[in-house]
Amino acid sequence: MQAKNIIKGTALQEANEQGYYTLTDRGIWNWADPDKRKNLRVFCEAGDTNPNDILLNPCVAMVRKTSLPIEAMQFVEWLANPGQAFVEEYKLHGVRLYSKAPIPKYITSA
């Protein structure tokens, strides 16, 4: 495969057209036009509870310590606690895209 300007969905389209294997996340898979994945199938999916799952796609929220706006820290605190329900319930085309954090993460200030 020649180097290209890669955009969202390109890997799926190339794999679909060329018979390649690819890795993607649920968001891209469910976002992609069905024609871009008609020759593909899901071989393996990550679990939602094991923090050691190699296919787990974690997200990290970080804020700068210097000049930290209170709203930024409030957002991180919301995301780490009640926001987990929002993350877990978010869907695209009726399919859940994300899972809540598999283990509690504690907010620390260094």
PDB file of N, CA and C in Angstrom:
ATOM      1  N   MET A   1       0.844  -1.172   0.000  1.00  0.00           N
ATOM      2  CA  MET A   1       0.000   0.000   0.000  1.00  0.00           C
ATOM      3  C   MET A   1       0.888   1.233   0.000  1.00  0.00           C
ATOM      4  N   GLN A   2       0.683   2.135  -0.919  1.00  0.00           N
ATOM      5  CA  GLN A   2       1.456   3.368  -0.980  1.00  0.00           C
ATOM      6  C   GLN A   2       1.022   4.318   0.119  1.00  0.00           C
ATOM      7  N   ALA A   3       1.981   5.144   0.562  1.00  0.00           N
ATOM      8  CA  ALA A   3       1.653   6.158   1.565  1.00  0.00           C
ATOM      9  C   ALA A   3       0.649   7.131   0.962  1.00  0.00           C
ATOM     10  N   LYS A   4      -0.361   7.463   1.738  1.00  0.00           N
ATOM     11  CA  LYS A   4      -1.408   8.368   1.288  1.00  0.00           C
ATOM     12  C   LYS A   4      -1.708   9.361   2.388  1.00  0.00           C
ATOM     13  N   ASN A   5      -2.461  10.356   2.048  1.00  0.00           N
ATOM     14  CA  ASN A   5      -2.988  11.261   3.049  1.00  0.00           C
ATOM     15  C   ASN A   5      -4.150  10.522   3.712  1.00  0.00           C
ATOM     16  N   ILE A   6      -3.910   9.996   4.901  1.00  0.00           N
ATOM     17  CA  ILE A   6      -4.890   9.151   5.572  1.00  0.00           C
ATOM     18  C   ILE A   6      -5.980  10.005   6.220  1.00  0.00           C
ATOM     19  N   ILE A   7      -7.212   9.650   5.937  1.00  0.00           N
ATOM     20  CA  ILE A   7      -8.351  10.309   6.569  1.00  0.00           C
ATOM     21  C   ILE A   7      -9.234   9.244   7.203  1.00  0.00           C
ATOM     22  N   LYS A   8     -10.168   9.688   8.023  1.00  0.00           N
ATOM     23  CA  LYS A   8     -11.059   8.761   8.719  1.00  0.00           C
ATOM     24  C   LYS A   8     -11.716   7.809   7.726  1.00  0.00           C
ATOM     25  N   GLY A   9     -11.599   6.519   7.986  1.00  0.00           N
ATOM     26  CA  GLY A   9     -12.234   5.513   7.150  1.00  0.00           C
ATOM     27  C   GLY A   9     -11.371   4.967   6.031  1.00  0.00           C
ATOM     28  N   THR A  10     -10.212   5.583   5.787  1.00  0.00           N
ATOM     29  CA  THR A  10      -9.355   5.132   4.688  1.00  0.00           C
ATOM     30  C   THR A  10      -8.889   3.697   4.891  1.00  0.00           C
ATOM     31  N   ALA A  11      -8.491   3.352   6.111  1.00  0.00           N
ATOM     32  CA  ALA A  11      -8.008   1.995   6.375  1.00  0.00           C
ATOM     33  C   ALA A  11      -9.101   0.965   6.101  1.00  0.00           C
ATOM     34  N   LEU A  12     -10.324   1.261   6.514  1.00  0.00           N
ATOM     35  CA  LEU A  12     -11.426   0.336   6.234  1.00  0.00           C
ATOM     36  C   LEU A  12     -11.660   0.190   4.741  1.00  0.00           C
ATOM     37  N   GLN A  13     -11.653   1.300   4.038  1.00  0.00           N
ATOM     38  CA  GLN A  13     -11.887   1.261   2.599  1.00  0.00           C
ATOM     39  C   GLN A  13     -10.795   0.462   1.895  1.00  0.00           C
ATOM     40  N   GLU A  14      -9.529   0.700   2.254  1.00  0.00           N
ATOM     41  CA  GLU A  14      -8.418  -0.040   1.639  1.00  0.00           C
ATOM     42  C   GLU A  14      -8.520  -1.530   1.955  1.00  0.00           C
ATOM     43  N   ALA A  15      -8.791  -1.862   3.217  1.00  0.00           N
ATOM     44  CA  ALA A  15      -8.915  -3.266   3.597  1.00  0.00           C
ATOM     45  C   ALA A  15     -10.068  -3.926   2.851  1.00  0.00           C
ATOM     46  N   ASN A  16     -11.174  -3.219   2.720  1.00  0.00           N
ATOM     47  CA  ASN A  16     -12.336  -3.731   2.016  1.00  0.00           C
ATOM     48  C   ASN A  16     -12.020  -3.991   0.545  1.00  0.00           C
ATOM     49  N   GLU A  17     -11.353  -3.042  -0.100  1.00  0.00           N
ATOM     50  CA  GLU A  17     -11.066  -3.152  -1.533  1.00  0.00           C
ATOM     51  C   GLU A  17      -9.925  -4.113  -1.849  1.00  0.00           C
ATOM     52  N   GLN A  18      -8.912  -4.170  -0.974  1.00  0.00           N
ATOM     53  CA  GLN A  18      -7.710  -4.944  -1.273  1.00  0.00           C
ATOM     54  C   GLN A  18      -7.634  -6.291  -0.549  1.00  0.00           C
ATOM     55  N   GLY A  19      -8.603  -6.575   0.302  1.00  0.00           N
ATOM     56  CA  GLY A  19      -8.581  -7.834   1.042  1.00  0.00           C
ATOM     57  C   GLY A  19      -7.589  -7.841   2.192  1.00  0.00           C
ATOM     58  N   TYR A  20      -7.277  -6.675   2.724  1.00  0.00           N
ATOM     59  CA  TYR A  20      -6.337  -6.551   3.838  1.00  0.00           C
ATOM     60  C   TYR A  20      -7.046  -6.779   5.165  1.00  0.00           C
ATOM     61  N   TYR A  21      -6.231  -7.016   6.182  1.00  0.00           N
ATOM     62  CA  TYR A  21      -6.691  -6.972   7.568  1.00  0.00           C
ATOM     63  C   TYR A  21      -6.454  -5.556   8.070  1.00  0.00           C
ATOM     64  N   THR A  22      -7.251  -5.122   9.028  1.00  0.00           N
ATOM     65  CA  THR A  22      -7.031  -3.804   9.621  1.00  0.00           C
ATOM     66  C   THR A  22      -7.540  -3.795  11.054  1.00  0.00           C
ATOM     67  N   LEU A  23      -7.077  -2.830  11.801  1.00  0.00           N
ATOM     68  CA  LEU A  23      -7.581  -2.584  13.152  1.00  0.00           C
ATOM     69  C   LEU A  23      -8.345  -1.274  13.126  1.00  0.00           C
ATOM     70  N   THR A  24      -9.460  -1.246  13.797  1.00  0.00           N
ATOM     71  CA  THR A  24     -10.231  -0.012  13.887  1.00  0.00           C
ATOM     72  C   THR A  24     -10.989  -0.005  15.207  1.00  0.00           C
ATOM     73  N   ASP A  25     -11.610   1.092  15.512  1.00  0.00           N
ATOM     74  CA  ASP A  25     -12.425   1.144  16.726  1.00  0.00           C
ATOM     75  C   ASP A  25     -13.903   1.138  16.345  1.00  0.00           C
ATOM     76  N   ARG A  26     -14.747   0.974  17.350  1.00  0.00           N
ATOM     77  CA  ARG A  26     -16.187   0.906  17.089  1.00  0.00           C
ATOM     78  C   ARG A  26     -16.715   2.174  16.431  1.00  0.00           C
ATOM     79  N   GLY A  27     -16.151   3.303  16.815  1.00  0.00           N
ATOM     80  CA  GLY A  27     -16.614   4.571  16.258  1.00  0.00           C
ATOM     81  C   GLY A  27     -16.449   4.631  14.753  1.00  0.00           C
ATOM     82  N   ILE A  28     -15.258   4.299  14.267  1.00  0.00           N
ATOM     83  CA  ILE A  28     -15.001   4.323  12.819  1.00  0.00           C
ATOM     84  C   ILE A  28     -15.819   3.236  12.127  1.00  0.00           C
ATOM     85  N   TRP A  29     -15.859   2.043  12.703  1.00  0.00           N
ATOM     86  CA  TRP A  29     -16.612   0.937  12.101  1.00  0.00           C
ATOM     87  C   TRP A  29     -18.079   1.311  11.911  1.00  0.00           C
ATOM     88  N   ASN A  30     -18.685   1.869  12.932  1.00  0.00           N
ATOM     89  CA  ASN A  30     -20.102   2.214  12.845  1.00  0.00           C
ATOM     90  C   ASN A  30     -20.362   3.484  12.060  1.00  0.00           C
ATOM     91  N   TRP A  31     -19.377   4.365  11.988  1.00  0.00           N
ATOM     92  CA  TRP A  31     -19.499   5.596  11.204  1.00  0.00           C
ATOM     93  C   TRP A  31     -19.415   5.305   9.712  1.00  0.00           C
ATOM     94  N   ALA A  32     -18.581   4.342   9.340  1.00  0.00           N
ATOM     95  CA  ALA A  32     -18.275   4.085   7.933  1.00  0.00           C
ATOM     96  C   ALA A  32     -19.510   3.664   7.142  1.00  0.00           C
ATOM     97  N   ASP A  33     -19.559   4.133   5.928  1.00  0.00           N
ATOM     98  CA  ASP A  33     -20.604   3.724   5.002  1.00  0.00           C
ATOM     99  C   ASP A  33     -20.536   2.202   4.858  1.00  0.00           C
ATOM    100  N   PRO A  34     -21.667   1.512   4.881  1.00  0.00           N
ATOM    101  CA  PRO A  34     -21.651   0.050   4.757  1.00  0.00           C
ATOM    102  C   PRO A  34     -20.891  -0.454   3.535  1.00  0.00           C
ATOM    103  N   ASP A  35     -20.845   0.316   2.451  1.00  0.00           N
ATOM    104  CA  ASP A  35     -20.085  -0.106   1.274  1.00  0.00           C
ATOM    105  C   ASP A  35     -18.587  -0.165   1.544  1.00  0.00           C
ATOM    106  N   LYS A  36     -18.094   0.619   2.510  1.00  0.00           N
ATOM    107  CA  LYS A  36     -16.665   0.617   2.837  1.00  0.00           C
ATOM    108  C   LYS A  36     -16.274  -0.583   3.692  1.00  0.00           C
ATOM    109  N   ARG A  37     -17.253  -1.363   4.132  1.00  0.00           N
ATOM    110  CA  ARG A  37     -16.945  -2.518   4.976  1.00  0.00           C
ATOM    111  C   ARG A  37     -17.708  -3.779   4.571  1.00  0.00           C
ATOM    112  N   LYS A  38     -18.291  -3.766   3.377  1.00  0.00           N
ATOM    113  CA  LYS A  38     -19.141  -4.892   2.969  1.00  0.00           C
ATOM    114  C   LYS A  38     -18.385  -6.215   2.860  1.00  0.00           C
ATOM    115  N   ASN A  39     -17.089  -6.186   2.573  1.00  0.00           N
ATOM    116  CA  ASN A  39     -16.292  -7.404   2.458  1.00  0.00           C
ATOM    117  C   ASN A  39     -15.534  -7.728   3.740  1.00  0.00           C
ATOM    118  N   LEU A  40     -15.791  -6.978   4.797  1.00  0.00           N
ATOM    119  CA  LEU A  40     -15.070  -7.147   6.057  1.00  0.00           C
ATOM    120  C   LEU A  40     -15.981  -7.743   7.115  1.00  0.00           C
ATOM    121  N   ARG A  41     -15.376  -8.342   8.115  1.00  0.00           N
ATOM    122  CA  ARG A  41     -16.133  -8.829   9.263  1.00  0.00           C
ATOM    123  C   ARG A  41     -15.324  -8.549  10.520  1.00  0.00           C
ATOM    124  N   VAL A  42     -16.021  -8.427  11.622  1.00  0.00           N
ATOM    125  CA  VAL A  42     -15.355  -8.227  12.905  1.00  0.00           C
ATOM    126  C   VAL A  42     -14.802  -9.570  13.351  1.00  0.00           C
ATOM    127  N   PHE A  43     -13.502  -9.611  13.571  1.00  0.00           N
ATOM    128  CA  PHE A  43     -12.840 -10.842  13.990  1.00  0.00           C
ATOM    129  C   PHE A  43     -12.726 -10.919  15.511  1.00  0.00           C
ATOM    130  N   CYS A  44     -12.463  -9.797  16.133  1.00  0.00           N
ATOM    131  CA  CYS A  44     -12.260  -9.775  17.575  1.00  0.00           C
ATOM    132  C   CYS A  44     -12.626  -8.397  18.112  1.00  0.00           C
ATOM    133  N   GLU A  45     -13.298  -8.365  19.245  1.00  0.00           N
ATOM    134  CA  GLU A  45     -13.629  -7.090  19.877  1.00  0.00           C
ATOM    135  C   GLU A  45     -13.053  -7.059  21.276  1.00  0.00           C
ATOM    136  N   ALA A  46     -12.713  -5.878  21.714  1.00  0.00           N
ATOM    137  CA  ALA A  46     -12.212  -5.717  23.076  1.00  0.00           C
ATOM    138  C   ALA A  46     -13.351  -5.890  24.059  1.00  0.00           C
ATOM    139  N   GLY A  47     -12.993  -6.294  25.240  1.00  0.00           N
ATOM    140  CA  GLY A  47     -13.968  -6.345  26.317  1.00  0.00           C
ATOM    141  C   GLY A  47     -14.100  -4.973  26.941  1.00  0.00           C
ATOM    142  N   ASP A  48     -14.976  -4.872  27.902  1.00  0.00           N
ATOM    143  CA  ASP A  48     -15.218  -3.584  28.539  1.00  0.00           C
ATOM    144  C   ASP A  48     -14.754  -3.529  29.983  1.00  0.00           C
ATOM    145  N   THR A  49     -14.319  -4.644  30.537  1.00  0.00           N
ATOM    146  CA  THR A  49     -14.043  -4.654  31.967  1.00  0.00           C
ATOM    147  C   THR A  49     -12.601  -4.945  32.341  1.00  0.00           C
ATOM    148  N   ASN A  50     -11.823  -5.513  31.471  1.00  0.00           N
ATOM    149  CA  ASN A  50     -10.451  -5.892  31.801  1.00  0.00           C
ATOM    150  C   ASN A  50      -9.478  -4.787  31.412  1.00  0.00           C
ATOM    151  N   PRO A  51      -8.859  -4.114  32.385  1.00  0.00           N
ATOM    152  CA  PRO A  51      -7.933  -3.033  32.044  1.00  0.00           C
ATOM    153  C   PRO A  51      -6.682  -3.528  31.320  1.00  0.00           C
ATOM    154  N   ASN A  52      -6.430  -4.844  31.309  1.00  0.00           N
ATOM    155  CA  ASN A  52      -5.263  -5.400  30.621  1.00  0.00           C
ATOM    156  C   ASN A  52      -5.591  -5.908  29.219  1.00  0.00           C
ATOM    157  N   ASP A  53      -6.822  -5.739  28.775  1.00  0.00           N
ATOM    158  CA  ASP A  53      -7.234  -6.156  27.432  1.00  0.00           C
ATOM    159  C   ASP A  53      -6.443  -5.346  26.413  1.00  0.00           C
ATOM    160  N   ILE A  54      -5.681  -6.027  25.555  1.00  0.00           N
ATOM    161  CA  ILE A  54      -4.828  -5.298  24.608  1.00  0.00           C
ATOM    162  C   ILE A  54      -5.628  -4.524  23.569  1.00  0.00           C
ATOM    163  N   LEU A  55      -6.899  -4.829  23.404  1.00  0.00           N
ATOM    164  CA  LEU A  55      -7.724  -4.096  22.452  1.00  0.00           C
ATOM    165  C   LEU A  55      -8.517  -2.966  23.100  1.00  0.00           C
ATOM    166  N   LEU A  56      -8.396  -2.818  24.398  1.00  0.00           N
ATOM    167  CA  LEU A  56      -9.091  -1.732  25.077  1.00  0.00           C
ATOM    168  C   LEU A  56      -8.553  -0.402  24.564  1.00  0.00           C
ATOM    169  N   ASN A  57      -9.429   0.503  24.240  1.00  0.00           N
ATOM    170  CA  ASN A  57      -9.044   1.798  23.671  1.00  0.00           C
ATOM    171  C   ASN A  57      -9.272   2.872  24.729  1.00  0.00           C
ATOM    172  N   PRO A  58      -8.292   3.077  25.604  1.00  0.00           N
ATOM    173  CA  PRO A  58      -8.511   4.011  26.712  1.00  0.00           C
ATOM    174  C   PRO A  58      -8.456   5.469  26.282  1.00  0.00           C
ATOM    175  N   CYS A  59      -9.044   6.280  27.096  1.00  0.00           N
ATOM    176  CA  CYS A  59      -9.024   7.725  26.897  1.00  0.00           C
ATOM    177  C   CYS A  59      -8.495   8.354  28.174  1.00  0.00           C
ATOM    178  N   VAL A  60      -7.678   9.360  28.042  1.00  0.00           N
ATOM    179  CA  VAL A  60      -7.106  10.036  29.199  1.00  0.00           C
ATOM    180  C   VAL A  60      -7.452  11.511  29.112  1.00  0.00           C
ATOM    181  N   ALA A  61      -7.928  12.060  30.211  1.00  0.00           N
ATOM    182  CA  ALA A  61      -8.205  13.497  30.277  1.00  0.00           C
ATOM    183  C   ALA A  61      -7.108  14.141  31.116  1.00  0.00           C
ATOM    184  N   MET A  62      -6.458  15.136  30.555  1.00  0.00           N
ATOM    185  CA  MET A  62      -5.391  15.824  31.278  1.00  0.00           C
ATOM    186  C   MET A  62      -5.639  17.322  31.226  1.00  0.00           C
ATOM    187  N   VAL A  63      -5.256  17.979  32.285  1.00  0.00           N
ATOM    188  CA  VAL A  63      -5.328  19.437  32.326  1.00  0.00           C
ATOM    189  C   VAL A  63      -3.987  19.963  32.819  1.00  0.00           C
ATOM    190  N   ARG A  64      -3.630  21.146  32.362  1.00  0.00           N
ATOM    191  CA  ARG A  64      -2.373  21.762  32.795  1.00  0.00           C
ATOM    192  C   ARG A  64      -2.505  22.276  34.218  1.00  0.00           C
ATOM    193  N   LYS A  65      -1.460  22.087  34.977  1.00  0.00           N
ATOM    194  CA  LYS A  65      -1.480  22.549  36.365  1.00  0.00           C
ATOM    195  C   LYS A  65      -1.396  24.068  36.444  1.00  0.00           C
ATOM    196  N   THR A  66      -0.627  24.670  35.559  1.00  0.00           N
ATOM    197  CA  THR A  66      -0.469  26.122  35.598  1.00  0.00           C
ATOM    198  C   THR A  66      -1.660  26.792  34.942  1.00  0.00           C
ATOM    199  N   SER A  67      -2.116  27.860  35.527  1.00  0.00           N
ATOM    200  CA  SER A  67      -3.254  28.630  35.003  1.00  0.00           C
ATOM    201  C   SER A  67      -4.475  27.754  34.763  1.00  0.00           C
ATOM    202  N   LEU A  68      -4.713  26.823  35.652  1.00  0.00           N
ATOM    203  CA  LEU A  68      -5.796  25.866  35.488  1.00  0.00           C
ATOM    204  C   LEU A  68      -7.155  26.520  35.716  1.00  0.00           C
ATOM    205  N   PRO A  69      -7.977  26.606  34.683  1.00  0.00           N
ATOM    206  CA  PRO A  69      -9.330  27.132  34.897  1.00  0.00           C
ATOM    207  C   PRO A  69     -10.137  26.128  35.722  1.00  0.00           C
ATOM    208  N   ILE A  70     -10.931  26.633  36.623  1.00  0.00           N
ATOM    209  CA  ILE A  70     -11.746  25.770  37.474  1.00  0.00           C
ATOM    210  C   ILE A  70     -12.683  24.898  36.641  1.00  0.00           C
ATOM    211  N   GLU A  71     -13.146  25.413  35.507  1.00  0.00           N
ATOM    212  CA  GLU A  71     -14.056  24.640  34.652  1.00  0.00           C
ATOM    213  C   GLU A  71     -13.378  23.389  34.097  1.00  0.00           C
ATOM    214  N   ALA A  72     -12.084  23.475  33.805  1.00  0.00           N
ATOM    215  CA  ALA A  72     -11.365  22.312  33.280  1.00  0.00           C
ATOM    216  C   ALA A  72     -11.322  21.202  34.323  1.00  0.00           C
ATOM    217  N   MET A  73     -11.009  21.552  35.546  1.00  0.00           N
ATOM    218  CA  MET A  73     -10.958  20.546  36.607  1.00  0.00           C
ATOM    219  C   MET A  73     -12.349  20.000  36.911  1.00  0.00           C
ATOM    220  N   GLN A  74     -13.360  20.845  36.859  1.00  0.00           N
ATOM    221  CA  GLN A  74     -14.730  20.376  37.071  1.00  0.00           C
ATOM    222  C   GLN A  74     -15.134  19.385  35.984  1.00  0.00           C
ATOM    223  N   PHE A  75     -14.716  19.653  34.747  1.00  0.00           N
ATOM    224  CA  PHE A  75     -15.029  18.738  33.653  1.00  0.00           C
ATOM    225  C   PHE A  75     -14.352  17.389  33.869  1.00  0.00           C
ATOM    226  N   VAL A  76     -13.082  17.392  34.252  1.00  0.00           N
ATOM    227  CA  VAL A  76     -12.365  16.137  34.488  1.00  0.00           C
ATOM    228  C   VAL A  76     -13.019  15.364  35.632  1.00  0.00           C
ATOM    229  N   GLU A  77     -13.390  16.047  36.689  1.00  0.00           N
ATOM    230  CA  GLU A  77     -14.066  15.380  37.807  1.00  0.00           C
ATOM    231  C   GLU A  77     -15.408  14.794  37.364  1.00  0.00           C
ATOM    232  N   TRP A  78     -16.154  15.536  36.542  1.00  0.00           N
ATOM    233  CA  TRP A  78     -17.423  15.025  36.019  1.00  0.00           C
ATOM    234  C   TRP A  78     -17.177  13.797  35.146  1.00  0.00           C
ATOM    235  N   LEU A  79     -16.183  13.876  34.254  1.00  0.00           N
ATOM    236  CA  LEU A  79     -15.880  12.779  33.339  1.00  0.00           C
ATOM    237  C   LEU A  79     -15.477  11.517  34.091  1.00  0.00           C
ATOM    238  N   ALA A  80     -14.730  11.672  35.170  1.00  0.00           N
ATOM    239  CA  ALA A  80     -14.254  10.520  35.937  1.00  0.00           C
ATOM    240  C   ALA A  80     -15.345   9.897  36.802  1.00  0.00           C
ATOM    241  N   ASN A  81     -16.415  10.611  37.048  1.00  0.00           N
ATOM    242  CA  ASN A  81     -17.439  10.097  37.962  1.00  0.00           C
ATOM    243  C   ASN A  81     -18.801  10.009  37.281  1.00  0.00           C
ATOM    244  N   PRO A  82     -19.703  10.999  37.417  1.00  0.00           N
ATOM    245  CA  PRO A  82     -21.026  10.845  36.801  1.00  0.00           C
ATOM    246  C   PRO A  82     -20.980  10.804  35.276  1.00  0.00           C
ATOM    247  N   GLY A  83     -19.952  11.373  34.681  1.00  0.00           N
ATOM    248  CA  GLY A  83     -19.835  11.367  33.225  1.00  0.00           C
ATOM    249  C   GLY A  83     -19.625   9.983  32.641  1.00  0.00           C
ATOM    250  N   GLN A  84     -19.206   9.017  33.461  1.00  0.00           N
ATOM    251  CA  GLN A  84     -19.009   7.654  32.975  1.00  0.00           C
ATOM    252  C   GLN A  84     -20.309   7.066  32.430  1.00  0.00           C
ATOM    253  N   ALA A  85     -21.430   7.416  33.034  1.00  0.00           N
ATOM    254  CA  ALA A  85     -22.723   6.931  32.530  1.00  0.00           C
ATOM    255  C   ALA A  85     -23.001   7.507  31.147  1.00  0.00           C
ATOM    256  N   PHE A  86     -22.671   8.786  30.939  1.00  0.00           N
ATOM    257  CA  PHE A  86     -22.851   9.413  29.628  1.00  0.00           C
ATOM    258  C   PHE A  86     -21.981   8.715  28.588  1.00  0.00           C
ATOM    259  N   VAL A  87     -20.724   8.472  28.935  1.00  0.00           N
ATOM    260  CA  VAL A  87     -19.791   7.797  28.024  1.00  0.00           C
ATOM    261  C   VAL A  87     -20.330   6.423  27.656  1.00  0.00           C
ATOM    262  N   GLU A  88     -20.772   5.678  28.644  1.00  0.00           N
ATOM    263  CA  GLU A  88     -21.244   4.313  28.407  1.00  0.00           C
ATOM    264  C   GLU A  88     -22.529   4.266  27.578  1.00  0.00           C
ATOM    265  N   GLU A  89     -23.369   5.280  27.684  1.00  0.00           N
ATOM    266  CA  GLU A  89     -24.649   5.289  26.977  1.00  0.00           C
ATOM    267  C   GLU A  89     -24.589   5.944  25.601  1.00  0.00           C
ATOM    268  N   TYR A  90     -23.461   6.542  25.230  1.00  0.00           N
ATOM    269  CA  TYR A  90     -23.351   7.236  23.951  1.00  0.00           C
ATOM    270  C   TYR A  90     -23.415   6.222  22.812  1.00  0.00           C
ATOM    271  N   LYS A  91     -24.269   6.500  21.822  1.00  0.00           N
ATOM    272  CA  LYS A  91     -24.467   5.563  20.716  1.00  0.00           C
ATOM    273  C   LYS A  91     -24.414   6.278  19.371  1.00  0.00           C
ATOM    274  N   LEU A  92     -24.043   5.530  18.351  1.00  0.00           N
ATOM    275  CA  LEU A  92     -24.090   5.980  16.966  1.00  0.00           C
ATOM    276  C   LEU A  92     -24.838   4.907  16.194  1.00  0.00           C
ATOM    277  N   HIS A  93     -25.893   5.283  15.497  1.00  0.00           N
ATOM    278  CA  HIS A  93     -26.734   4.329  14.759  1.00  0.00           C
ATOM    279  C   HIS A  93     -27.224   3.211  15.682  1.00  0.00           C
ATOM    280  N   GLY A  94     -27.507   3.560  16.943  1.00  0.00           N
ATOM    281  CA  GLY A  94     -28.026   2.595  17.897  1.00  0.00           C
ATOM    282  C   GLY A  94     -26.995   1.657  18.503  1.00  0.00           C
ATOM    283  N   VAL A  95     -25.726   1.850  18.179  1.00  0.00           N
ATOM    284  CA  VAL A  95     -24.665   0.977  18.688  1.00  0.00           C
ATOM    285  C   VAL A  95     -23.807   1.753  19.679  1.00  0.00           C
ATOM    286  N   ARG A  96     -23.592   1.160  20.835  1.00  0.00           N
ATOM    287  CA  ARG A  96     -22.756   1.791  21.856  1.00  0.00           C
ATOM    288  C   ARG A  96     -21.312   1.827  21.368  1.00  0.00           C
ATOM    289  N   LEU A  97     -20.681   3.005  21.437  1.00  0.00           N
ATOM    290  CA  LEU A  97     -19.321   3.166  20.932  1.00  0.00           C
ATOM    291  C   LEU A  97     -18.254   2.997  21.998  1.00  0.00           C
ATOM    292  N   TYR A  98     -18.556   3.380  23.200  1.00  0.00           N
ATOM    293  CA  TYR A  98     -17.536   3.414  24.242  1.00  0.00           C
ATOM    294  C   TYR A  98     -18.018   2.664  25.469  1.00  0.00           C
ATOM    295  N   SER A  99     -17.083   2.310  26.303  1.00  0.00           N
ATOM    296  CA  SER A  99     -17.431   1.724  27.590  1.00  0.00           C
ATOM    297  C   SER A  99     -16.891   2.625  28.685  1.00  0.00           C
ATOM    298  N   LYS A 100     -17.472   2.491  29.859  1.00  0.00           N
ATOM    299  CA  LYS A 100     -16.951   3.288  30.967  1.00  0.00           C
ATOM    300  C   LYS A 100     -15.583   2.735  31.353  1.00  0.00           C
ATOM    301  N   ALA A 101     -14.847   3.485  32.129  1.00  0.00           N
ATOM    302  CA  ALA A 101     -13.524   3.053  32.563  1.00  0.00           C
ATOM    303  C   ALA A 101     -13.636   1.715  33.295  1.00  0.00           C
ATOM    304  N   PRO A 102     -12.760   0.737  32.984  1.00  0.00           N
ATOM    305  CA  PRO A 102     -12.877  -0.583  33.593  1.00  0.00           C
ATOM    306  C   PRO A 102     -12.545  -0.608  35.083  1.00  0.00           C
ATOM    307  N   ILE A 103     -11.721   0.307  35.531  1.00  0.00           N
ATOM    308  CA  ILE A 103     -11.396   0.399  36.950  1.00  0.00           C
ATOM    309  C   ILE A 103     -11.428   1.866  37.341  1.00  0.00           C
ATOM    310  N   PRO A 104     -11.758   2.156  38.581  1.00  0.00           N
ATOM    311  CA  PRO A 104     -11.793   3.567  38.985  1.00  0.00           C
ATOM    312  C   PRO A 104     -10.428   4.228  38.826  1.00  0.00           C
ATOM    313  N   LYS A 105     -10.437   5.420  38.324  1.00  0.00           N
ATOM    314  CA  LYS A 105      -9.223   6.226  38.207  1.00  0.00           C
ATOM    315  C   LYS A 105      -9.368   7.377  39.174  1.00  0.00           C
ATOM    316  N   TYR A 106      -8.331   7.682  39.850  1.00  0.00           N
ATOM    317  CA  TYR A 106      -8.388   8.745  40.839  1.00  0.00           C
ATOM    318  C   TYR A 106      -7.716   9.987  40.311  1.00  0.00           C
ATOM    319  N   ILE A 107      -8.332  11.096  40.564  1.00  0.00           N
ATOM    320  CA  ILE A 107      -7.794  12.384  40.150  1.00  0.00           C
ATOM    321  C   ILE A 107      -6.708  12.779  41.135  1.00  0.00           C
ATOM    322  N   THR A 108      -5.552  13.080  40.602  1.00  0.00           N
ATOM    323  CA  THR A 108      -4.451  13.504  41.458  1.00  0.00           C
ATOM    324  C   THR A 108      -3.899  14.811  40.950  1.00  0.00           C
ATOM    325  N   SER A 109      -3.357  15.575  41.825  1.00  0.00           N
ATOM    326  CA  SER A 109      -2.679  16.798  41.407  1.00  0.00           C
ATOM    327  C   SER A 109      -1.215  16.648  41.771  1.00  0.00           C
ATOM    328  N   ALA A 110      -0.373  16.824  40.792  1.00  0.00           N
ATOM    329  CA  ALA A 110       1.065  16.651  41.018  1.00  0.00           C
ATOM    330  C   ALA A 110       1.770  17.981  40.998  1.00  0.00           C
TER     331      ALA A 110
END
